[in-house]
Protein backbone atom coordinates (compact mmCIF):
# COMPACT_ATOMS: atom_id res chain seq x y z
CA MET A 1 -29.29 -4.43 -83.55
CA LEU A 2 -27.58 -2.69 -80.92
CA LYS A 3 -29.45 -1.36 -77.62
CA ILE A 4 -28.98 2.07 -76.74
CA GLN A 5 -27.25 0.89 -73.44
CA GLU A 6 -24.53 -0.81 -75.42
CA ILE A 7 -23.94 2.14 -77.67
CA ARG A 8 -23.54 4.41 -74.44
CA GLU A 9 -20.95 1.88 -73.16
CA ILE A 10 -19.03 1.91 -76.47
CA ILE A 11 -18.91 5.76 -76.49
CA LYS A 12 -17.82 5.73 -72.61
CA LEU A 13 -14.93 3.20 -73.50
CA ILE A 14 -13.79 5.08 -76.42
CA ASP A 15 -13.92 8.39 -74.67
CA GLN A 16 -11.85 7.08 -71.82
CA SER A 17 -9.31 5.27 -74.17
CA SER A 18 -6.55 6.55 -76.52
CA ILE A 19 -8.29 5.18 -79.46
CA GLU A 20 -8.71 8.04 -82.06
CA LYS A 21 -11.13 6.17 -84.56
CA PHE A 22 -13.69 3.48 -84.12
CA SER A 23 -16.14 1.74 -86.64
CA PHE A 24 -18.55 -1.01 -85.74
CA GLU A 25 -21.11 -2.87 -88.11
CA SER A 26 -23.59 -5.40 -86.96
CA ASP A 27 -27.02 -6.51 -88.43
CA GLY A 28 -27.23 -3.33 -90.74
CA ALA A 29 -26.37 -0.99 -88.03
CA LYS A 30 -23.02 0.97 -88.43
CA ILE A 31 -21.40 3.09 -85.75
CA LYS A 32 -18.41 5.33 -86.51
CA LEU A 33 -16.79 7.34 -83.77
CA GLU A 34 -13.86 9.63 -84.18
CA LYS A 35 -12.10 11.49 -81.50
CA ARG A 36 -10.15 14.53 -82.16
CA SER A 37 -8.03 17.10 -80.24
CA ALA A 38 -9.94 18.99 -77.32
CA GLN A 39 -10.62 22.10 -79.77
CA GLN A 40 -12.34 20.20 -82.20
CA LYS A 41 -15.49 18.47 -81.77
CA GLN A 42 -16.26 14.74 -81.51
CA ILE A 43 -17.72 13.15 -84.37
CA ILE A 44 -20.24 10.39 -83.93
CA THR A 45 -22.20 8.80 -86.95
CA VAL A 46 -24.74 6.23 -86.57
CA THR A 47 -26.41 4.61 -89.51
CA GLU A 48 -29.50 2.67 -88.33
CA SER A 49 -32.88 1.62 -89.48
CA ALA A 50 -34.47 3.00 -86.15
CA PRO A 51 -34.17 6.92 -86.22
CA VAL A 52 -35.06 6.94 -82.61
CA ILE A 53 -31.72 5.56 -81.69
CA GLN A 54 -30.01 8.49 -83.48
CA SER A 55 -32.02 10.93 -81.44
CA GLU A 56 -31.21 9.28 -78.21
CA LEU A 57 -27.57 8.84 -79.13
CA ALA A 58 -27.30 12.87 -79.52
CA ALA A 59 -28.22 13.13 -75.71
CA VAL A 60 -25.48 10.45 -75.01
CA GLN A 61 -22.48 12.40 -76.43
CA PRO A 62 -19.79 13.31 -74.07
CA GLN A 63 -19.55 17.01 -73.35
CA GLN A 64 -16.48 19.01 -74.51
CA VAL A 65 -14.93 20.94 -71.70
CA GLU A 66 -13.55 24.33 -72.91
CA PRO A 67 -10.62 25.48 -70.77
CA VAL A 68 -11.17 28.17 -68.37
CA ILE A 69 -8.38 30.66 -67.81
CA VAL A 70 -8.50 32.13 -64.11
CA GLN A 71 -6.34 35.35 -63.58
CA LYS A 72 -4.31 35.25 -60.33
CA GLN A 73 -5.44 38.05 -58.10
CA GLU A 74 -3.57 39.06 -54.85
CA VAL A 75 -5.86 39.84 -51.81
CA SER A 76 -4.42 41.82 -48.93
CA VAL A 77 -5.82 40.74 -45.58
CA THR A 78 -5.70 43.07 -42.67
CA PRO A 79 -6.19 41.61 -39.14
CA VAL A 80 -9.44 42.48 -37.48
CA ALA A 81 -9.81 43.63 -34.06
CA VAL A 82 -10.85 41.07 -31.77
CA LEU A 83 -14.33 41.71 -30.56
CA GLN A 84 -15.25 42.07 -27.05
CA THR A 85 -17.74 39.18 -27.33
CA GLU A 86 -15.07 36.93 -25.95
CA ASP A 87 -14.82 38.73 -22.64
CA PRO A 88 -16.34 36.18 -20.06
CA SER A 89 -17.55 39.05 -17.87
CA LEU A 90 -19.76 40.39 -20.49
CA HIS A 91 -23.24 38.99 -20.95
CA LYS A 92 -24.59 38.65 -24.56
CA ILE A 93 -28.20 39.61 -25.22
CA THR A 94 -29.13 37.20 -28.11
CA SER A 95 -31.88 37.11 -30.64
CA PRO A 96 -34.56 34.57 -29.56
CA MET A 97 -35.67 34.19 -33.39
CA VAL A 98 -34.77 34.89 -37.11
CA GLY A 99 -36.05 38.36 -37.98
CA THR A 100 -35.28 42.05 -38.67
CA PHE A 101 -33.61 44.18 -35.67
CA TYR A 102 -35.02 47.34 -34.86
CA SER A 103 -33.43 49.71 -32.38
CA ALA A 104 -36.52 51.71 -31.95
CA SER A 105 -40.42 51.20 -32.42
CA SER A 106 -40.53 53.71 -35.04
CA PRO A 107 -38.06 55.49 -37.28
CA GLU A 108 -38.95 58.98 -35.71
CA ILE A 109 -38.33 57.74 -32.12
CA ALA A 110 -34.90 57.45 -30.47
CA ALA A 111 -33.58 54.09 -30.01
CA PHE A 112 -34.46 52.03 -26.94
CA VAL A 113 -30.87 51.84 -25.87
CA GLN A 114 -27.67 53.28 -26.79
CA GLN A 115 -24.09 52.47 -25.86
CA GLY A 116 -23.37 53.37 -22.20
CA ASP A 117 -27.00 53.36 -21.18
CA LYS A 118 -27.97 51.54 -17.90
CA VAL A 119 -30.55 48.62 -18.21
CA THR A 120 -32.55 46.41 -15.76
CA THR A 121 -33.75 42.82 -16.51
CA GLU A 122 -37.17 44.14 -17.70
CA SER A 123 -35.68 46.84 -19.93
CA ILE A 124 -36.64 46.82 -23.60
CA VAL A 125 -33.57 46.90 -25.77
CA CYS A 126 -34.93 46.43 -29.29
CA ILE A 127 -37.71 44.78 -31.36
CA VAL A 128 -37.14 41.88 -33.71
CA GLU A 129 -39.87 41.67 -36.54
CA ALA A 130 -40.55 38.11 -37.55
CA MET A 131 -43.47 37.42 -39.86
CA LYS A 132 -45.05 40.76 -39.48
CA LEU A 133 -45.00 40.37 -35.53
CA PHE A 134 -42.90 42.88 -33.69
CA ASN A 135 -41.39 41.04 -30.58
CA GLU A 136 -39.94 43.33 -27.88
CA ILE A 137 -36.57 41.90 -26.53
CA GLU A 138 -35.78 42.51 -22.88
CA ALA A 139 -32.22 42.80 -21.50
CA GLU A 140 -32.47 39.72 -19.29
CA VAL A 141 -29.63 41.32 -17.05
CA SER A 142 -29.14 44.48 -14.99
CA GLY A 143 -26.03 46.44 -16.16
CA GLU A 144 -24.57 48.88 -18.69
CA ILE A 145 -24.65 48.48 -22.55
CA VAL A 146 -21.14 48.01 -23.77
CA GLU A 147 -21.74 47.47 -27.40
CA ILE A 148 -24.47 47.19 -29.84
CA LEU A 149 -23.48 44.57 -32.41
CA VAL A 150 -25.99 44.91 -35.03
CA LYS A 151 -27.38 47.80 -37.21
CA ASP A 152 -30.99 49.05 -37.35
CA GLY A 153 -32.79 47.00 -40.19
CA GLN A 154 -30.31 44.12 -40.31
CA LEU A 155 -31.46 40.68 -40.52
CA VAL A 156 -30.48 38.67 -37.53
CA GLU A 157 -30.37 34.88 -36.90
CA TYR A 158 -31.65 32.92 -33.93
CA GLY A 159 -28.97 32.94 -31.22
CA GLN A 160 -27.09 35.80 -32.65
CA PRO A 161 -25.65 38.42 -30.21
CA LEU A 162 -27.34 41.75 -30.42
CA PHE A 163 -25.70 43.42 -27.45
CA LEU A 164 -23.00 43.23 -24.88
CA VAL A 165 -23.82 44.18 -21.39
CA LYS A 166 -21.41 44.71 -18.41
CA ALA A 167 -23.47 42.97 -15.77
CA ASN A 168 -23.80 44.69 -12.35
């Protein structure tokens, strides 16, 4: 009687070889393997006194892979202007946590800062909400807001630049 591991090994060997048909008979067990082209299914027949082996063998059958046709698609790439974040004279105000960026404490109220506003080290520039806690973010530097890098309600990551400030 063949063990399931031996049957699996036979299936793998036949599948990897160029053999089209294979028959094996031993101690009342018969195995017939027949490979066909990729569009036809593989036929595996097992005649065994123990029906458990047949059900286990069903899970061992190699998977047939259907060819996938991928259409070629042209994508045009337009160069993006280099952000001012690379300017070493500009200070980045970064997010101290993962959360949601808010430019104001309420939707009805004007933003804490806008482009061109002057800030001091203690000026509140935005709020980052994390786990229902609203954290006020200070400018950390005195200067002028050159650019706001995120939009209101946008998710931000730890260390992500939020503002660019031209320090005094």
